[in-house]
Amino acid sequence: MGLEKTRDRFRSSFFSEGIRADVKNYCDSRKECQITQKVKTKNSVPVAPVVKHEWPCQVEKADLIGSIEVLKSKGDKCALWIVDQHTRWGETISMTNLKDKVTCETSISIFLRAG
């Protein structure tokens, strides 16, 4: 039973100047009331909408994944993973190492092929 219903029940039978505070203290002290009571939390971070860009390939997210055991049989040790922010299209290409030149060449090959 909630705080309002409990207070209404007491009001129908009793009168007290501080009935509101008394009923609140009573409900806060009972285990049954605490279990069924809703937990109120205040969100400290305001929720902001995710901006969706107008055209595909405007914003790309990239990540380098290193030391993959499955790829070592081919001689590749890592992978480059790129995702388009607009369409959520993703592509992964395996690479031999994480050096700048190899990573740049792999990125350019994806962009030349995908646009």
PDB file of N, CA and C in Angstrom:
ATOM      1  N   MET A   1       0.853  -1.160   0.000  1.00  0.00           N
ATOM      2  CA  MET A   1       0.000   0.000   0.000  1.00  0.00           C
ATOM      3  C   MET A   1       0.905   1.232   0.000  1.00  0.00           C
ATOM      4  N   GLY A   2       0.505   2.261  -0.731  1.00  0.00           N
ATOM      5  CA  GLY A   2       1.324   3.452  -0.848  1.00  0.00           C
ATOM      6  C   GLY A   2       1.131   4.425   0.303  1.00  0.00           C
ATOM      7  N   LEU A   3       1.922   5.465   0.282  1.00  0.00           N
ATOM      8  CA  LEU A   3       1.898   6.484   1.327  1.00  0.00           C
ATOM      9  C   LEU A   3       0.544   7.203   1.361  1.00  0.00           C
ATOM     10  N   GLU A   4      -0.003   7.540   0.214  1.00  0.00           N
ATOM     11  CA  GLU A   4      -1.286   8.248   0.151  1.00  0.00           C
ATOM     12  C   GLU A   4      -2.423   7.392   0.715  1.00  0.00           C
ATOM     13  N   LYS A   5      -2.475   6.125   0.320  1.00  0.00           N
ATOM     14  CA  LYS A   5      -3.536   5.236   0.810  1.00  0.00           C
ATOM     15  C   LYS A   5      -3.441   5.031   2.325  1.00  0.00           C
ATOM     16  N   THR A   6      -2.218   4.882   2.820  1.00  0.00           N
ATOM     17  CA  THR A   6      -2.028   4.705   4.260  1.00  0.00           C
ATOM     18  C   THR A   6      -2.464   5.962   5.002  1.00  0.00           C
ATOM     19  N   ARG A   7      -2.114   7.128   4.492  1.00  0.00           N
ATOM     20  CA  ARG A   7      -2.499   8.383   5.118  1.00  0.00           C
ATOM     21  C   ARG A   7      -4.025   8.547   5.116  1.00  0.00           C
ATOM     22  N   ASP A   8      -4.675   8.191   4.004  1.00  0.00           N
ATOM     23  CA  ASP A   8      -6.146   8.274   3.936  1.00  0.00           C
ATOM     24  C   ASP A   8      -6.816   7.349   4.949  1.00  0.00           C
ATOM     25  N   ARG A   9      -6.255   6.172   5.138  1.00  0.00           N
ATOM     26  CA  ARG A   9      -6.807   5.238   6.124  1.00  0.00           C
ATOM     27  C   ARG A   9      -6.713   5.797   7.534  1.00  0.00           C
ATOM     28  N   PHE A  10      -5.559   6.401   7.878  1.00  0.00           N
ATOM     29  CA  PHE A  10      -5.397   6.991   9.200  1.00  0.00           C
ATOM     30  C   PHE A  10      -6.330   8.189   9.384  1.00  0.00           C
ATOM     31  N   ARG A  11      -6.494   9.006   8.356  1.00  0.00           N
ATOM     32  CA  ARG A  11      -7.358  10.185   8.447  1.00  0.00           C
ATOM     33  C   ARG A  11      -8.814   9.815   8.715  1.00  0.00           C
ATOM     34  N   SER A  12      -9.250   8.681   8.187  1.00  0.00           N
ATOM     35  CA  SER A  12     -10.646   8.287   8.392  1.00  0.00           C
ATOM     36  C   SER A  12     -10.918   7.905   9.849  1.00  0.00           C
ATOM     37  N   SER A  13      -9.887   7.526  10.593  1.00  0.00           N
ATOM     38  CA  SER A  13     -10.095   7.100  11.980  1.00  0.00           C
ATOM     39  C   SER A  13      -9.481   8.026  13.016  1.00  0.00           C
ATOM     40  N   PHE A  14      -8.399   8.747  12.662  1.00  0.00           N
ATOM     41  CA  PHE A  14      -7.675   9.551  13.638  1.00  0.00           C
ATOM     42  C   PHE A  14      -7.451  10.958  13.106  1.00  0.00           C
ATOM     43  N   PHE A  15      -7.149  11.863  14.037  1.00  0.00           N
ATOM     44  CA  PHE A  15      -6.762  13.221  13.666  1.00  0.00           C
ATOM     45  C   PHE A  15      -5.473  13.562  14.391  1.00  0.00           C
ATOM     46  N   SER A  16      -4.548  14.121  13.632  1.00  0.00           N
ATOM     47  CA  SER A  16      -3.281  14.536  14.213  1.00  0.00           C
ATOM     48  C   SER A  16      -2.734  15.682  13.381  1.00  0.00           C
ATOM     49  N   GLU A  17      -2.071  16.638  14.058  1.00  0.00           N
ATOM     50  CA  GLU A  17      -1.496  17.784  13.342  1.00  0.00           C
ATOM     51  C   GLU A  17      -0.387  17.324  12.374  1.00  0.00           C
ATOM     52  N   GLY A  18       0.437  16.420  12.804  1.00  0.00           N
ATOM     53  CA  GLY A  18       1.571  15.975  11.985  1.00  0.00           C
ATOM     54  C   GLY A  18       1.360  14.606  11.377  1.00  0.00           C
ATOM     55  N   ILE A  19       0.124  14.303  10.930  1.00  0.00           N
ATOM     56  CA  ILE A  19      -0.159  12.957  10.417  1.00  0.00           C
ATOM     57  C   ILE A  19       0.648  12.645   9.161  1.00  0.00           C
ATOM     58  N   ARG A  20       0.886  13.653   8.351  1.00  0.00           N
ATOM     59  CA  ARG A  20       1.640  13.437   7.103  1.00  0.00           C
ATOM     60  C   ARG A  20       3.055  12.934   7.420  1.00  0.00           C
ATOM     61  N   ALA A  21       3.749  13.599   8.321  1.00  0.00           N
ATOM     62  CA  ALA A  21       5.123  13.210   8.697  1.00  0.00           C
ATOM     63  C   ALA A  21       5.130  11.876   9.438  1.00  0.00           C
ATOM     64  N   ASP A  22       4.122  11.670  10.304  1.00  0.00           N
ATOM     65  CA  ASP A  22       4.061  10.409  11.050  1.00  0.00           C
ATOM     66  C   ASP A  22       3.872   9.214  10.123  1.00  0.00           C
ATOM     67  N   VAL A  23       2.974   9.342   9.150  1.00  0.00           N
ATOM     68  CA  VAL A  23       2.723   8.236   8.219  1.00  0.00           C
ATOM     69  C   VAL A  23       3.954   7.998   7.350  1.00  0.00           C
ATOM     70  N   LYS A  24       4.619   9.071   6.944  1.00  0.00           N
ATOM     71  CA  LYS A  24       5.827   8.908   6.124  1.00  0.00           C
ATOM     72  C   LYS A  24       6.911   8.184   6.912  1.00  0.00           C
ATOM     73  N   ASN A  25       7.128   8.570   8.151  1.00  0.00           N
ATOM     74  CA  ASN A  25       8.126   7.892   8.990  1.00  0.00           C
ATOM     75  C   ASN A  25       7.752   6.431   9.216  1.00  0.00           C
ATOM     76  N   TYR A  26       6.465   6.175   9.430  1.00  0.00           N
ATOM     77  CA  TYR A  26       5.992   4.800   9.626  1.00  0.00           C
ATOM     78  C   TYR A  26       6.256   3.956   8.378  1.00  0.00           C
ATOM     79  N   CYS A  27       5.895   4.499   7.213  1.00  0.00           N
ATOM     80  CA  CYS A  27       6.087   3.740   5.969  1.00  0.00           C
ATOM     81  C   CYS A  27       7.570   3.540   5.656  1.00  0.00           C
ATOM     82  N   ASP A  28       8.393   4.549   5.944  1.00  0.00           N
ATOM     83  CA  ASP A  28       9.829   4.422   5.688  1.00  0.00           C
ATOM     84  C   ASP A  28      10.497   3.404   6.601  1.00  0.00           C
ATOM     85  N   SER A  29       9.910   3.157   7.786  1.00  0.00           N
ATOM     86  CA  SER A  29      10.528   2.233   8.729  1.00  0.00           C
ATOM     87  C   SER A  29      10.098   0.781   8.510  1.00  0.00           C
ATOM     88  N   ARG A  30       9.023   0.538   7.774  1.00  0.00           N
ATOM     89  CA  ARG A  30       8.528  -0.832   7.575  1.00  0.00           C
ATOM     90  C   ARG A  30       9.249  -1.500   6.405  1.00  0.00           C
ATOM     91  N   LYS A  31       9.663  -2.729   6.612  1.00  0.00           N
ATOM     92  CA  LYS A  31      10.381  -3.469   5.581  1.00  0.00           C
ATOM     93  C   LYS A  31       9.503  -3.725   4.359  1.00  0.00           C
ATOM     94  N   GLU A  32       8.219  -4.041   4.574  1.00  0.00           N
ATOM     95  CA  GLU A  32       7.308  -4.311   3.456  1.00  0.00           C
ATOM     96  C   GLU A  32       7.146  -3.084   2.569  1.00  0.00           C
ATOM     97  N   CYS A  33       7.092  -1.917   3.171  1.00  0.00           N
ATOM     98  CA  CYS A  33       6.949  -0.684   2.392  1.00  0.00           C
ATOM     99  C   CYS A  33       8.231  -0.377   1.616  1.00  0.00           C
ATOM    100  N   GLN A  34       9.374  -0.660   2.218  1.00  0.00           N
ATOM    101  CA  GLN A  34      10.640  -0.372   1.558  1.00  0.00           C
ATOM    102  C   GLN A  34      10.864  -1.285   0.359  1.00  0.00           C
ATOM    103  N   ILE A  35      10.404  -2.525   0.443  1.00  0.00           N
ATOM    104  CA  ILE A  35      10.597  -3.466  -0.665  1.00  0.00           C
ATOM    105  C   ILE A  35       9.731  -3.085  -1.860  1.00  0.00           C
ATOM    106  N   THR A  36       8.491  -2.680  -1.622  1.00  0.00           N
ATOM    107  CA  THR A  36       7.576  -2.374  -2.719  1.00  0.00           C
ATOM    108  C   THR A  36       7.672  -0.924  -3.186  1.00  0.00           C
ATOM    109  N   GLN A  37       8.398  -0.091  -2.461  1.00  0.00           N
ATOM    110  CA  GLN A  37       8.511   1.322  -2.811  1.00  0.00           C
ATOM    111  C   GLN A  37       9.380   1.493  -4.050  1.00  0.00           C
ATOM    112  N   LYS A  38       8.988   2.395  -4.947  1.00  0.00           N
ATOM    113  CA  LYS A  38       9.776   2.664  -6.149  1.00  0.00           C
ATOM    114  C   LYS A  38      11.042   3.418  -5.759  1.00  0.00           C
ATOM    115  N   VAL A  39      12.140   3.037  -6.374  1.00  0.00           N
ATOM    116  CA  VAL A  39      13.408   3.706  -6.128  1.00  0.00           C
ATOM    117  C   VAL A  39      13.498   4.881  -7.093  1.00  0.00           C
ATOM    118  N   LYS A  40      13.663   6.073  -6.558  1.00  0.00           N
ATOM    119  CA  LYS A  40      13.738   7.268  -7.385  1.00  0.00           C
ATOM    120  C   LYS A  40      15.194   7.678  -7.509  1.00  0.00           C
ATOM    121  N   THR A  41      15.685   7.728  -8.729  1.00  0.00           N
ATOM    122  CA  THR A  41      17.047   8.180  -8.967  1.00  0.00           C
ATOM    123  C   THR A  41      17.003   9.345  -9.939  1.00  0.00           C
ATOM    124  N   LYS A  42      17.867  10.287  -9.725  1.00  0.00           N
ATOM    125  CA  LYS A  42      17.952  11.432 -10.608  1.00  0.00           C
ATOM    126  C   LYS A  42      19.121  11.207 -11.547  1.00  0.00           C
ATOM    127  N   ASN A  43      18.851  11.325 -12.825  1.00  0.00           N
ATOM    128  CA  ASN A  43      19.896  11.154 -13.816  1.00  0.00           C
ATOM    129  C   ASN A  43      20.742  12.417 -13.853  1.00  0.00           C
ATOM    130  N   SER A  44      22.018  12.303 -13.533  1.00  0.00           N
ATOM    131  CA  SER A  44      22.880  13.477 -13.450  1.00  0.00           C
ATOM    132  C   SER A  44      23.375  13.938 -14.819  1.00  0.00           C
ATOM    133  N   VAL A  45      23.297  13.071 -15.827  1.00  0.00           N
ATOM    134  CA  VAL A  45      23.761  13.429 -17.154  1.00  0.00           C
ATOM    135  C   VAL A  45      22.544  13.586 -18.061  1.00  0.00           C
ATOM    136  N   PRO A  46      22.371  14.753 -18.664  1.00  0.00           N
ATOM    137  CA  PRO A  46      21.224  14.907 -19.558  1.00  0.00           C
ATOM    138  C   PRO A  46      21.408  14.050 -20.805  1.00  0.00           C
ATOM    139  N   VAL A  47      20.315  13.489 -21.275  1.00  0.00           N
ATOM    140  CA  VAL A  47      20.362  12.635 -22.457  1.00  0.00           C
ATOM    141  C   VAL A  47      20.316  13.519 -23.694  1.00  0.00           C
ATOM    142  N   ALA A  48      21.293  13.347 -24.553  1.00  0.00           N
ATOM    143  CA  ALA A  48      21.356  14.138 -25.783  1.00  0.00           C
ATOM    144  C   ALA A  48      21.090  13.216 -26.969  1.00  0.00           C
ATOM    145  N   PRO A  49      20.360  13.678 -27.957  1.00  0.00           N
ATOM    146  CA  PRO A  49      20.092  12.827 -29.122  1.00  0.00           C
ATOM    147  C   PRO A  49      21.364  12.614 -29.937  1.00  0.00           C
ATOM    148  N   VAL A  50      21.449  11.451 -30.573  1.00  0.00           N
ATOM    149  CA  VAL A  50      22.581  11.141 -31.435  1.00  0.00           C
ATOM    150  C   VAL A  50      22.326  11.800 -32.787  1.00  0.00           C
ATOM    151  N   VAL A  51      23.287  12.581 -33.236  1.00  0.00           N
ATOM    152  CA  VAL A  51      23.135  13.288 -34.501  1.00  0.00           C
ATOM    153  C   VAL A  51      23.411  12.314 -35.632  1.00  0.00           C
ATOM    154  N   LYS A  52      22.428  12.164 -36.518  1.00  0.00           N
ATOM    155  CA  LYS A  52      22.608  11.303 -37.689  1.00  0.00           C
ATOM    156  C   LYS A  52      22.954  12.199 -38.868  1.00  0.00           C
ATOM    157  N   HIS A  53      24.043  11.924 -39.516  1.00  0.00           N
ATOM    158  CA  HIS A  53      24.516  12.755 -40.610  1.00  0.00           C
ATOM    159  C   HIS A  53      23.671  12.527 -41.861  1.00  0.00           C
ATOM    160  N   GLU A  54      23.635  13.527 -42.737  1.00  0.00           N
ATOM    161  CA  GLU A  54      22.744  13.493 -43.893  1.00  0.00           C
ATOM    162  C   GLU A  54      23.189  12.514 -44.967  1.00  0.00           C
ATOM    163  N   TRP A  55      24.489  12.386 -45.159  1.00  0.00           N
ATOM    164  CA  TRP A  55      24.986  11.568 -46.266  1.00  0.00           C
ATOM    165  C   TRP A  55      25.872  10.442 -45.757  1.00  0.00           C
ATOM    166  N   PRO A  56      25.840   9.297 -46.455  1.00  0.00           N
ATOM    167  CA  PRO A  56      26.757   8.206 -46.095  1.00  0.00           C
ATOM    168  C   PRO A  56      28.214   8.624 -46.300  1.00  0.00           C
ATOM    169  N   CYS A  57      29.086   8.035 -45.553  1.00  0.00           N
ATOM    170  CA  CYS A  57      30.539   8.248 -45.612  1.00  0.00           C
ATOM    171  C   CYS A  57      30.955   9.651 -45.199  1.00  0.00           C
ATOM    172  N   GLN A  58      30.099  10.406 -44.514  1.00  0.00           N
ATOM    173  CA  GLN A  58      30.502  11.704 -43.976  1.00  0.00           C
ATOM    174  C   GLN A  58      31.381  11.510 -42.744  1.00  0.00           C
ATOM    175  N   VAL A  59      30.976  10.584 -41.882  1.00  0.00           N
ATOM    176  CA  VAL A  59      31.731  10.315 -40.665  1.00  0.00           C
ATOM    177  C   VAL A  59      31.974   8.811 -40.572  1.00  0.00           C
ATOM    178  N   GLU A  60      33.223   8.452 -40.416  1.00  0.00           N
ATOM    179  CA  GLU A  60      33.607   7.047 -40.306  1.00  0.00           C
ATOM    180  C   GLU A  60      34.303   6.839 -38.960  1.00  0.00           C
ATOM    181  N   LYS A  61      34.080   5.707 -38.356  1.00  0.00           N
ATOM    182  CA  LYS A  61      34.770   5.330 -37.120  1.00  0.00           C
ATOM    183  C   LYS A  61      35.714   4.189 -37.460  1.00  0.00           C
ATOM    184  N   ALA A  62      36.913   4.235 -36.918  1.00  0.00           N
ATOM    185  CA  ALA A  62      37.907   3.206 -37.212  1.00  0.00           C
ATOM    186  C   ALA A  62      38.499   2.667 -35.916  1.00  0.00           C
ATOM    187  N   ASP A  63      38.898   1.396 -35.965  1.00  0.00           N
ATOM    188  CA  ASP A  63      39.533   0.767 -34.820  1.00  0.00           C
ATOM    189  C   ASP A  63      40.550  -0.240 -35.330  1.00  0.00           C
ATOM    190  N   LEU A  64      41.668  -0.326 -34.648  1.00  0.00           N
ATOM    191  CA  LEU A  64      42.694  -1.306 -34.994  1.00  0.00           C
ATOM    192  C   LEU A  64      42.617  -2.466 -34.004  1.00  0.00           C
ATOM    193  N   ILE A  65      42.545  -3.668 -34.532  1.00  0.00           N
ATOM    194  CA  ILE A  65      42.448  -4.866 -33.713  1.00  0.00           C
ATOM    195  C   ILE A  65      43.751  -5.636 -33.896  1.00  0.00           C
ATOM    196  N   GLY A  66      44.447  -5.900 -32.797  1.00  0.00           N
ATOM    197  CA  GLY A  66      45.747  -6.536 -32.919  1.00  0.00           C
ATOM    198  C   GLY A  66      45.807  -7.911 -32.297  1.00  0.00           C
ATOM    199  N   SER A  67      46.778  -8.699 -32.728  1.00  0.00           N
ATOM    200  CA  SER A  67      47.075 -10.021 -32.206  1.00  0.00           C
ATOM    201  C   SER A  67      45.883 -10.974 -32.285  1.00  0.00           C
ATOM    202  N   ILE A  68      45.478 -11.277 -33.523  1.00  0.00           N
ATOM    203  CA  ILE A  68      44.374 -12.209 -33.754  1.00  0.00           C
ATOM    204  C   ILE A  68      44.971 -13.553 -34.170  1.00  0.00           C
ATOM    205  N   GLU A  69      44.694 -14.589 -33.396  1.00  0.00           N
ATOM    206  CA  GLU A  69      45.284 -15.908 -33.641  1.00  0.00           C
ATOM    207  C   GLU A  69      44.804 -16.528 -34.956  1.00  0.00           C
ATOM    208  N   VAL A  70      43.557 -16.302 -35.333  1.00  0.00           N
ATOM    209  CA  VAL A  70      42.996 -16.924 -36.544  1.00  0.00           C
ATOM    210  C   VAL A  70      43.716 -16.432 -37.788  1.00  0.00           C
ATOM    211  N   LEU A  71      44.112 -15.164 -37.805  1.00  0.00           N
ATOM    212  CA  LEU A  71      44.736 -14.577 -38.986  1.00  0.00           C
ATOM    213  C   LEU A  71      46.213 -14.926 -39.121  1.00  0.00           C
ATOM    214  N   LYS A  72      46.851 -15.391 -38.057  1.00  0.00           N
ATOM    215  CA  LYS A  72      48.293 -15.647 -38.095  1.00  0.00           C
ATOM    216  C   LYS A  72      48.678 -16.747 -39.076  1.00  0.00           C
ATOM    217  N   SER A  73      47.743 -17.631 -39.405  1.00  0.00           N
ATOM    218  CA  SER A  73      48.065 -18.692 -40.365  1.00  0.00           C
ATOM    219  C   SER A  73      48.296 -18.118 -41.767  1.00  0.00           C
ATOM    220  N   LYS A  74      47.656 -17.011 -42.104  1.00  0.00           N
ATOM    221  CA  LYS A  74      47.855 -16.362 -43.404  1.00  0.00           C
ATOM    222  C   LYS A  74      49.032 -15.403 -43.389  1.00  0.00           C
ATOM    223  N   GLY A  75      49.589 -15.129 -42.217  1.00  0.00           N
ATOM    224  CA  GLY A  75      50.669 -14.168 -42.096  1.00  0.00           C
ATOM    225  C   GLY A  75      50.190 -12.818 -41.589  1.00  0.00           C
ATOM    226  N   ASP A  76      48.885 -12.645 -41.490  1.00  0.00           N
ATOM    227  CA  ASP A  76      48.339 -11.392 -40.965  1.00  0.00           C
ATOM    228  C   ASP A  76      48.213 -11.492 -39.452  1.00  0.00           C
ATOM    229  N   LYS A  77      48.500 -10.395 -38.773  1.00  0.00           N
ATOM    230  CA  LYS A  77      48.498 -10.407 -37.314  1.00  0.00           C
ATOM    231  C   LYS A  77      47.454  -9.471 -36.711  1.00  0.00           C
ATOM    232  N   CYS A  78      46.896  -8.588 -37.515  1.00  0.00           N
ATOM    233  CA  CYS A  78      45.954  -7.604 -36.992  1.00  0.00           C
ATOM    234  C   CYS A  78      44.928  -7.240 -38.064  1.00  0.00           C
ATOM    235  N   ALA A  79      43.973  -6.384 -37.703  1.00  0.00           N
ATOM    236  CA  ALA A  79      42.915  -6.010 -38.637  1.00  0.00           C
ATOM    237  C   ALA A  79      42.524  -4.551 -38.425  1.00  0.00           C
ATOM    238  N   LEU A  80      42.048  -3.940 -39.503  1.00  0.00           N
ATOM    239  CA  LEU A  80      41.504  -2.585 -39.453  1.00  0.00           C
ATOM    240  C   LEU A  80      40.002  -2.704 -39.635  1.00  0.00           C
ATOM    241  N   TRP A  81      39.249  -2.089 -38.736  1.00  0.00           N
ATOM    242  CA  TRP A  81      37.786  -2.164 -38.759  1.00  0.00           C
ATOM    243  C   TRP A  81      37.247  -0.751 -38.909  1.00  0.00           C
ATOM    244  N   ILE A  82      36.445  -0.507 -39.951  1.00  0.00           N
ATOM    245  CA  ILE A  82      35.878   0.812 -40.218  1.00  0.00           C
ATOM    246  C   ILE A  82      34.359   0.683 -40.313  1.00  0.00           C
ATOM    247  N   VAL A  83      33.628   1.598 -39.654  1.00  0.00           N
ATOM    248  CA  VAL A  83      32.164   1.607 -39.676  1.00  0.00           C
ATOM    249  C   VAL A  83      31.692   2.991 -40.095  1.00  0.00           C
ATOM    250  N   ASP A  84      30.739   3.038 -41.043  1.00  0.00           N
ATOM    251  CA  ASP A  84      30.130   4.293 -41.456  1.00  0.00           C
ATOM    252  C   ASP A  84      29.084   4.698 -40.420  1.00  0.00           C
ATOM    253  N   GLN A  85      29.139   5.940 -39.949  1.00  0.00           N
ATOM    254  CA  GLN A  85      28.239   6.405 -38.900  1.00  0.00           C
ATOM    255  C   GLN A  85      26.797   6.537 -39.388  1.00  0.00           C
ATOM    256  N   HIS A  86      26.587   6.798 -40.672  1.00  0.00           N
ATOM    257  CA  HIS A  86      25.236   7.000 -41.203  1.00  0.00           C
ATOM    258  C   HIS A  86      24.510   5.685 -41.472  1.00  0.00           C
ATOM    259  N   THR A  87      25.152   4.802 -42.190  1.00  0.00           N
ATOM    260  CA  THR A  87      24.492   3.553 -42.607  1.00  0.00           C
ATOM    261  C   THR A  87      24.789   2.375 -41.694  1.00  0.00           C
ATOM    262  N   ARG A  88      25.756   2.519 -40.789  1.00  0.00           N
ATOM    263  CA  ARG A  88      26.215   1.442 -39.908  1.00  0.00           C
ATOM    264  C   ARG A  88      26.860   0.288 -40.703  1.00  0.00           C
ATOM    265  N   TRP A  89      27.305   0.596 -41.914  1.00  0.00           N
ATOM    266  CA  TRP A  89      28.000  -0.393 -42.734  1.00  0.00           C
ATOM    267  C   TRP A  89      29.423  -0.521 -42.216  1.00  0.00           C
ATOM    268  N   GLY A  90      29.867  -1.740 -42.022  1.00  0.00           N
ATOM    269  CA  GLY A  90      31.203  -1.965 -41.498  1.00  0.00           C
ATOM    270  C   GLY A  90      32.029  -2.852 -42.397  1.00  0.00           C
ATOM    271  N   GLU A  91      33.321  -2.677 -42.311  1.00  0.00           N
ATOM    272  CA  GLU A  91      34.241  -3.509 -43.092  1.00  0.00           C
ATOM    273  C   GLU A  91      35.498  -3.750 -42.279  1.00  0.00           C
ATOM    274  N   THR A  92      35.993  -4.968 -42.351  1.00  0.00           N
ATOM    275  CA  THR A  92      37.213  -5.350 -41.653  1.00  0.00           C
ATOM    276  C   THR A  92      38.197  -5.919 -42.664  1.00  0.00           C
ATOM    277  N   ILE A  93      39.438  -5.446 -42.623  1.00  0.00           N
ATOM    278  CA  ILE A  93      40.485  -5.943 -43.519  1.00  0.00           C
ATOM    279  C   ILE A  93      41.683  -6.347 -42.670  1.00  0.00           C
ATOM    280  N   SER A  94      42.202  -7.527 -42.926  1.00  0.00           N
ATOM    281  CA  SER A  94      43.363  -7.998 -42.164  1.00  0.00           C
ATOM    282  C   SER A  94      44.637  -7.340 -42.695  1.00  0.00           C
ATOM    283  N   MET A  95      45.592  -7.135 -41.766  1.00  0.00           N
ATOM    284  CA  MET A  95      46.855  -6.485 -42.110  1.00  0.00           C
ATOM    285  C   MET A  95      48.014  -7.279 -41.511  1.00  0.00           C
ATOM    286  N   THR A  96      49.206  -7.067 -42.075  1.00  0.00           N
ATOM    287  CA  THR A  96      50.381  -7.785 -41.589  1.00  0.00           C
ATOM    288  C   THR A  96      50.921  -7.197 -40.298  1.00  0.00           C
ATOM    289  N   ASN A  97      50.835  -5.875 -40.135  1.00  0.00           N
ATOM    290  CA  ASN A  97      51.289  -5.224 -38.905  1.00  0.00           C
ATOM    291  C   ASN A  97      50.539  -3.913 -38.709  1.00  0.00           C
ATOM    292  N   LEU A  98      50.836  -3.225 -37.607  1.00  0.00           N
ATOM    293  CA  LEU A  98      50.143  -1.985 -37.275  1.00  0.00           C
ATOM    294  C   LEU A  98      50.972  -0.738 -37.584  1.00  0.00           C
ATOM    295  N   LYS A  99      51.926  -0.843 -38.477  1.00  0.00           N
ATOM    296  CA  LYS A  99      52.748   0.314 -38.821  1.00  0.00           C
ATOM    297  C   LYS A  99      51.914   1.331 -39.602  1.00  0.00           C
ATOM    298  N   ASP A 100      52.369   2.577 -39.559  1.00  0.00           N
ATOM    299  CA  ASP A 100      51.619   3.671 -40.180  1.00  0.00           C
ATOM    300  C   ASP A 100      51.383   3.451 -41.667  1.00  0.00           C
ATOM    301  N   LYS A 101      52.404   3.022 -42.383  1.00  0.00           N
ATOM    302  CA  LYS A 101      52.296   2.873 -43.840  1.00  0.00           C
ATOM    303  C   LYS A 101      51.268   1.805 -44.206  1.00  0.00           C
ATOM    304  N   VAL A 102      51.292   0.674 -43.526  1.00  0.00           N
ATOM    305  CA  VAL A 102      50.350  -0.415 -43.810  1.00  0.00           C
ATOM    306  C   VAL A 102      48.921   0.019 -43.464  1.00  0.00           C
ATOM    307  N   THR A 103      48.757   0.680 -42.330  1.00  0.00           N
ATOM    308  CA  THR A 103      47.432   1.146 -41.919  1.00  0.00           C
ATOM    309  C   THR A 103      46.885   2.178 -42.900  1.00  0.00           C
ATOM    310  N   CYS A 104      47.717   3.099 -43.349  1.00  0.00           N
ATOM    311  CA  CYS A 104      47.303   4.127 -44.303  1.00  0.00           C
ATOM    312  C   CYS A 104      46.922   3.507 -45.652  1.00  0.00           C
ATOM    313  N   GLU A 105      47.726   2.577 -46.143  1.00  0.00           N
ATOM    314  CA  GLU A 105      47.413   1.915 -47.416  1.00  0.00           C
ATOM    315  C   GLU A 105      46.115   1.125 -47.335  1.00  0.00           C
ATOM    316  N   THR A 106      45.886   0.455 -46.221  1.00  0.00           N
ATOM    317  CA  THR A 106      44.652  -0.310 -46.043  1.00  0.00           C
ATOM    318  C   THR A 106      43.444   0.623 -45.983  1.00  0.00           C
ATOM    319  N   SER A 107      43.567   1.739 -45.274  1.00  0.00           N
ATOM    320  CA  SER A 107      42.470   2.711 -45.195  1.00  0.00           C
ATOM    321  C   SER A 107      42.152   3.284 -46.566  1.00  0.00           C
ATOM    322  N   ILE A 108      43.191   3.636 -47.310  1.00  0.00           N
ATOM    323  CA  ILE A 108      42.979   4.199 -48.652  1.00  0.00           C
ATOM    324  C   ILE A 108      42.323   3.178 -49.567  1.00  0.00           C
ATOM    325  N   SER A 109      42.701   1.903 -49.462  1.00  0.00           N
ATOM    326  CA  SER A 109      42.074   0.889 -50.317  1.00  0.00           C
ATOM    327  C   SER A 109      40.577   0.742 -50.017  1.00  0.00           C
ATOM    328  N   ILE A 110      40.201   0.870 -48.741  1.00  0.00           N
ATOM    329  CA  ILE A 110      38.771   0.821 -48.395  1.00  0.00           C
ATOM    330  C   ILE A 110      38.042   2.025 -48.948  1.00  0.00           C
ATOM    331  N   PHE A 111      38.615   3.224 -48.773  1.00  0.00           N
ATOM    332  CA  PHE A 111      37.946   4.446 -49.221  1.00  0.00           C
ATOM    333  C   PHE A 111      37.862   4.519 -50.748  1.00  0.00           C
ATOM    334  N   LEU A 112      38.878   4.025 -51.452  1.00  0.00           N
ATOM    335  CA  LEU A 112      38.824   4.036 -52.916  1.00  0.00           C
ATOM    336  C   LEU A 112      37.750   3.071 -53.431  1.00  0.00           C
ATOM    337  N   ARG A 113      37.599   1.951 -52.772  1.00  0.00           N
ATOM    338  CA  ARG A 113      36.613   0.969 -53.196  1.00  0.00           C
ATOM    339  C   ARG A 113      35.185   1.366 -52.799  1.00  0.00           C
ATOM    340  N   ALA A 114      35.025   1.904 -51.574  1.00  0.00           N
ATOM    341  CA  ALA A 114      33.689   2.197 -51.049  1.00  0.00           C
ATOM    342  C   ALA A 114      33.209   3.603 -51.405  1.00  0.00           C
ATOM    343  N   GLY A 115      34.120   4.512 -51.612  1.00  0.00           N
ATOM    344  CA  GLY A 115      33.709   5.870 -51.963  1.00  0.00           C
ATOM    345  C   GLY A 115      33.807   6.784 -50.882  1.00  0.00           C
TER     346      GLY A 115
END
